[in-house]
N, C-alpha and C. Protein backbone atom coordinates (compact mmCIF):
# COMPACT_ATOMS: atom_id res chain seq x y z
N MET A 1 103.08 59.53 -36.06
CA MET A 1 103.56 59.00 -34.79
C MET A 1 103.57 59.94 -33.63
N ARG A 2 103.76 61.30 -33.97
CA ARG A 2 103.65 62.29 -32.89
C ARG A 2 102.35 62.43 -32.31
N ALA A 3 101.36 62.19 -33.10
CA ALA A 3 99.96 62.27 -32.59
C ALA A 3 99.72 61.20 -31.61
N ILE A 4 100.19 60.04 -31.84
CA ILE A 4 100.09 58.96 -30.82
C ILE A 4 100.78 59.34 -29.50
N GLY A 5 101.90 60.01 -29.61
CA GLY A 5 102.57 60.44 -28.41
C GLY A 5 101.67 61.47 -27.54
N PHE A 6 101.11 62.41 -28.28
CA PHE A 6 100.21 63.44 -27.69
C PHE A 6 98.97 62.67 -27.06
N ILE A 7 98.47 61.70 -27.76
CA ILE A 7 97.23 61.04 -27.21
C ILE A 7 97.66 60.36 -25.97
N GLY A 8 98.76 59.66 -25.95
CA GLY A 8 99.31 59.00 -24.78
C GLY A 8 99.51 59.92 -23.62
N ILE A 9 100.13 61.04 -23.91
CA ILE A 9 100.35 62.10 -22.85
C ILE A 9 99.05 62.59 -22.27
N ALA A 10 98.03 62.81 -23.18
CA ALA A 10 96.72 63.31 -22.66
C ALA A 10 96.10 62.17 -21.81
N LEU A 11 96.16 61.02 -22.18
CA LEU A 11 95.51 59.88 -21.39
C LEU A 11 96.25 59.82 -19.99
N LEU A 12 97.60 59.82 -19.95
CA LEU A 12 98.33 59.86 -18.68
C LEU A 12 98.04 61.01 -17.90
N ALA A 13 97.76 62.22 -18.54
CA ALA A 13 97.51 63.44 -17.72
C ALA A 13 96.15 63.25 -17.08
N VAL A 14 95.20 62.63 -17.72
CA VAL A 14 93.95 62.39 -17.03
C VAL A 14 94.13 61.51 -15.88
N LEU A 15 94.95 60.48 -15.88
CA LEU A 15 95.22 59.62 -14.73
C LEU A 15 95.92 60.39 -13.68
N ALA A 16 96.91 61.26 -14.03
CA ALA A 16 97.59 62.00 -13.13
C ALA A 16 96.68 63.02 -12.42
N VAL A 17 95.78 63.60 -13.03
CA VAL A 17 94.85 64.59 -12.39
C VAL A 17 94.02 63.76 -11.36
N LEU A 18 93.46 62.53 -11.88
CA LEU A 18 92.59 61.72 -11.01
C LEU A 18 93.47 61.29 -9.84
N GLY A 19 94.67 60.95 -9.94
CA GLY A 19 95.49 60.55 -8.75
C GLY A 19 95.84 61.72 -7.87
N LEU A 20 95.96 62.96 -8.49
CA LEU A 20 96.20 64.16 -7.72
C LEU A 20 94.94 64.41 -6.87
N VAL A 21 93.75 64.28 -7.45
CA VAL A 21 92.50 64.64 -6.69
C VAL A 21 92.38 63.61 -5.57
N ALA A 22 92.63 62.32 -5.89
CA ALA A 22 92.49 61.29 -4.80
C ALA A 22 93.41 61.52 -3.75
N SER A 23 94.68 61.87 -4.05
CA SER A 23 95.71 62.11 -3.01
C SER A 23 95.41 63.27 -2.17
N ALA A 24 94.90 64.32 -2.86
CA ALA A 24 94.53 65.63 -2.12
C ALA A 24 93.33 65.32 -1.17
N GLN A 25 92.33 64.57 -1.51
CA GLN A 25 91.17 64.21 -0.72
C GLN A 25 91.64 63.39 0.53
N SER A 26 92.58 62.53 0.32
CA SER A 26 93.05 61.65 1.50
C SER A 26 94.26 62.29 2.19
N ALA A 27 94.64 63.51 1.79
CA ALA A 27 95.82 64.20 2.42
C ALA A 27 97.05 63.46 2.37
N ASP A 28 97.23 62.77 1.34
CA ASP A 28 98.53 61.92 1.19
C ASP A 28 99.51 62.74 0.45
N TRP A 29 100.51 63.32 1.24
CA TRP A 29 101.45 64.22 0.72
C TRP A 29 102.44 63.54 -0.29
N ARG A 30 102.76 62.27 0.02
CA ARG A 30 103.63 61.58 -0.92
C ARG A 30 102.99 61.37 -2.25
N GLY A 31 101.66 60.98 -2.27
CA GLY A 31 100.87 60.82 -3.37
C GLY A 31 100.81 62.17 -4.23
N ILE A 32 100.60 63.20 -3.47
CA ILE A 32 100.54 64.52 -4.18
C ILE A 32 101.94 64.92 -4.81
N ALA A 33 102.92 64.69 -4.01
CA ALA A 33 104.24 64.91 -4.68
C ALA A 33 104.53 64.04 -5.83
N LEU A 34 104.15 62.76 -5.78
CA LEU A 34 104.32 61.81 -6.94
C LEU A 34 103.50 62.25 -8.13
N MET A 35 102.30 62.61 -7.93
CA MET A 35 101.41 62.98 -9.05
C MET A 35 101.90 64.40 -9.66
N LEU A 36 102.40 65.26 -8.80
CA LEU A 36 102.98 66.56 -9.40
C LEU A 36 104.23 66.23 -10.18
N PHE A 37 105.00 65.28 -9.68
CA PHE A 37 106.21 64.91 -10.38
C PHE A 37 105.81 64.28 -11.84
N MET A 38 104.69 63.49 -11.83
CA MET A 38 104.25 62.87 -13.05
C MET A 38 103.80 63.96 -13.98
N VAL A 39 103.09 64.85 -13.50
CA VAL A 39 102.57 66.04 -14.35
C VAL A 39 103.72 66.78 -14.85
N GLY A 40 104.75 66.99 -14.08
CA GLY A 40 106.00 67.63 -14.62
C GLY A 40 106.66 66.86 -15.76
N LEU A 41 106.72 65.57 -15.52
CA LEU A 41 107.31 64.66 -16.53
C LEU A 41 106.52 64.75 -17.95
N LEU A 42 105.18 64.63 -17.74
CA LEU A 42 104.31 64.77 -18.93
C LEU A 42 104.50 66.07 -19.65
N ALA A 43 104.63 67.15 -18.85
CA ALA A 43 104.82 68.45 -19.61
C ALA A 43 106.16 68.44 -20.26
N PHE A 44 107.22 67.86 -19.63
CA PHE A 44 108.46 67.79 -20.36
C PHE A 44 108.35 67.00 -21.60
N PHE A 45 107.66 65.79 -21.64
CA PHE A 45 107.48 65.06 -22.77
C PHE A 45 106.73 65.71 -23.93
N ALA A 46 105.77 66.48 -23.55
CA ALA A 46 105.01 67.26 -24.42
C ALA A 46 105.90 68.34 -25.13
N TYR A 47 106.71 69.00 -24.33
CA TYR A 47 107.71 70.00 -24.80
C TYR A 47 108.56 69.38 -25.86
N VAL A 48 109.16 68.22 -25.54
CA VAL A 48 110.03 67.54 -26.41
C VAL A 48 109.39 67.10 -27.71
N LEU A 49 108.17 66.70 -27.66
CA LEU A 49 107.37 66.38 -28.94
C LEU A 49 107.13 67.61 -29.67
N LEU A 50 106.81 68.77 -29.08
CA LEU A 50 106.56 70.01 -29.77
C LEU A 50 107.89 70.58 -30.41
N ARG A 51 109.04 70.39 -29.63
CA ARG A 51 110.29 70.78 -30.16
C ARG A 51 110.67 69.95 -31.36
N GLY A 52 110.45 68.66 -31.34
CA GLY A 52 110.72 67.77 -32.43
C GLY A 52 109.85 68.13 -33.75
N ALA A 53 108.62 68.53 -33.41
CA ALA A 53 107.75 69.05 -34.61
C ALA A 53 108.27 70.24 -35.22
N LYS A 54 108.83 71.18 -34.38
CA LYS A 54 109.46 72.37 -35.02
C LYS A 54 110.72 72.01 -35.83
N LEU A 55 111.49 71.09 -35.17
CA LEU A 55 112.71 70.75 -35.88
C LEU A 55 112.43 70.10 -37.15
N ALA A 56 111.46 69.28 -37.32
CA ALA A 56 111.04 68.59 -38.46
C ALA A 56 110.65 69.40 -39.55
N LYS A 57 110.09 70.63 -39.28
CA LYS A 57 109.63 71.55 -40.31
C LYS A 57 110.71 72.35 -40.88
N ARG A 58 111.84 72.34 -40.31
CA ARG A 58 113.03 73.18 -40.99
C ARG A 58 113.48 72.48 -42.30
N PRO A 59 113.79 73.39 -43.12
CA PRO A 59 114.43 72.84 -44.40
C PRO A 59 115.74 72.02 -44.15
N GLY A 60 115.76 70.87 -44.76
CA GLY A 60 116.97 70.05 -44.63
C GLY A 60 117.08 69.38 -43.33
N ALA A 61 115.91 69.12 -42.66
CA ALA A 61 115.85 68.65 -41.35
C ALA A 61 116.03 67.05 -41.36
N SER A 62 115.84 66.46 -42.48
CA SER A 62 115.90 64.96 -42.52
C SER A 62 117.24 64.49 -42.07
N GLY A 63 118.41 65.09 -42.39
CA GLY A 63 119.71 64.79 -42.06
C GLY A 63 119.93 65.24 -40.58
N ALA A 64 119.47 66.37 -40.21
CA ALA A 64 119.74 67.02 -38.93
C ALA A 64 119.11 66.21 -37.80
N LEU A 65 118.06 65.53 -38.07
CA LEU A 65 117.34 64.74 -36.97
C LEU A 65 118.14 63.58 -36.39
N ALA A 66 119.09 63.12 -37.27
CA ALA A 66 119.88 61.94 -36.82
C ALA A 66 121.19 62.49 -36.22
N GLU A 67 121.33 63.72 -35.97
CA GLU A 67 122.60 64.28 -35.33
C GLU A 67 122.39 64.46 -33.89
N GLY A 68 123.59 64.43 -33.18
CA GLY A 68 123.62 64.68 -31.71
C GLY A 68 123.47 66.09 -31.32
N TRP A 69 123.53 66.37 -30.01
CA TRP A 69 123.36 67.66 -29.49
C TRP A 69 124.39 68.69 -30.06
N ALA A 70 125.53 68.25 -30.34
CA ALA A 70 126.57 69.17 -30.85
C ALA A 70 126.63 69.18 -32.35
N GLY A 71 125.72 68.56 -33.02
CA GLY A 71 125.61 68.50 -34.43
C GLY A 71 126.40 67.46 -35.13
N GLN A 72 127.11 66.55 -34.38
CA GLN A 72 127.90 65.52 -35.01
C GLN A 72 126.95 64.21 -35.23
N PRO A 73 127.30 63.44 -36.19
CA PRO A 73 126.55 62.21 -36.33
C PRO A 73 126.55 61.35 -35.23
N VAL A 74 125.50 60.53 -35.00
CA VAL A 74 125.39 59.63 -33.90
C VAL A 74 126.53 58.57 -33.87
N GLY A 75 126.88 58.08 -35.02
CA GLY A 75 127.93 57.10 -35.15
C GLY A 75 129.27 57.61 -34.73
N LEU A 76 129.60 58.83 -35.07
CA LEU A 76 130.82 59.49 -34.68
C LEU A 76 130.80 59.69 -33.11
N PHE A 77 129.68 60.00 -32.57
CA PHE A 77 129.60 60.25 -31.12
C PHE A 77 129.93 58.84 -30.43
N LEU A 78 129.30 57.83 -30.99
CA LEU A 78 129.54 56.52 -30.40
C LEU A 78 130.92 56.05 -30.42
N ARG A 79 131.59 56.41 -31.64
CA ARG A 79 133.01 55.87 -31.72
C ARG A 79 133.94 56.74 -30.93
N GLN A 80 133.73 58.00 -30.89
CA GLN A 80 134.66 58.88 -30.17
C GLN A 80 134.35 59.10 -28.74
N GLN A 81 133.13 59.04 -28.21
CA GLN A 81 132.90 59.23 -26.89
C GLN A 81 132.58 57.89 -26.06
N VAL A 82 131.69 57.21 -26.59
CA VAL A 82 131.28 55.94 -25.93
C VAL A 82 132.41 54.85 -25.88
N ALA A 83 132.95 54.67 -27.09
CA ALA A 83 133.92 53.56 -27.17
C ALA A 83 135.27 53.93 -26.49
N LYS A 84 135.50 55.13 -26.30
CA LYS A 84 136.82 55.55 -25.65
C LYS A 84 136.85 55.79 -24.21
N SER A 85 135.65 55.76 -23.60
CA SER A 85 135.49 55.90 -22.18
C SER A 85 135.25 54.54 -21.51
N ILE A 86 135.70 54.49 -20.26
CA ILE A 86 135.55 53.28 -19.47
C ILE A 86 134.11 53.02 -19.20
N GLU A 87 133.24 53.94 -18.99
CA GLU A 87 131.82 53.75 -18.86
C GLU A 87 131.22 53.26 -20.11
N GLY A 88 131.65 53.90 -21.19
CA GLY A 88 131.13 53.34 -22.55
C GLY A 88 131.47 51.92 -22.84
N ARG A 89 132.71 51.54 -22.43
CA ARG A 89 133.11 50.16 -22.71
C ARG A 89 132.36 49.21 -21.89
N ILE A 90 132.09 49.62 -20.62
CA ILE A 90 131.28 48.77 -19.75
C ILE A 90 129.83 48.67 -20.29
N LEU A 91 129.34 49.67 -20.83
CA LEU A 91 128.00 49.61 -21.38
C LEU A 91 127.97 48.75 -22.61
N ILE A 92 128.99 48.89 -23.44
CA ILE A 92 129.06 47.98 -24.67
C ILE A 92 129.19 46.56 -24.30
N ALA A 93 130.13 46.29 -23.33
CA ALA A 93 130.33 44.91 -22.88
C ALA A 93 129.14 44.36 -22.19
N GLY A 94 128.40 45.07 -21.40
CA GLY A 94 127.21 44.65 -20.71
C GLY A 94 126.00 44.40 -21.67
N SER A 95 125.96 45.27 -22.63
CA SER A 95 124.80 45.17 -23.64
C SER A 95 125.03 44.10 -24.70
N SER A 96 126.24 43.63 -24.75
CA SER A 96 126.55 42.67 -25.84
C SER A 96 126.50 41.15 -25.29
N ARG A 97 126.39 41.10 -23.93
CA ARG A 97 126.30 39.81 -23.29
C ARG A 97 124.95 39.16 -23.64
N THR A 98 124.84 37.93 -23.89
CA THR A 98 123.54 37.25 -24.02
C THR A 98 122.97 36.84 -22.71
N GLY A 99 121.74 36.64 -22.77
CA GLY A 99 120.94 36.26 -21.50
C GLY A 99 120.89 34.77 -21.24
N HIS A 100 121.82 34.05 -21.72
CA HIS A 100 121.72 32.58 -21.52
C HIS A 100 122.27 32.28 -20.19
């Protein structure tokens, strides 16, 4: 799955470079800024994929990959942080509504 992510990033990088060249040729500063922002996002995505690959190689990583930033399980984070804050309750109520 990670290879598919890198292939997608590479294809989007080609489009970003083409957009950057086209924007530079027409002296469109907003286009240049937008394409540079896209290149930055793609670099960040590639960094996250590489970091995930390093994390997956660690011994005992199968359980650690499902843990949050502070090392707590995701379910515990949802119960203690999301369900107890007003923003989290709004998120839960809004996401539980049906689209009828």
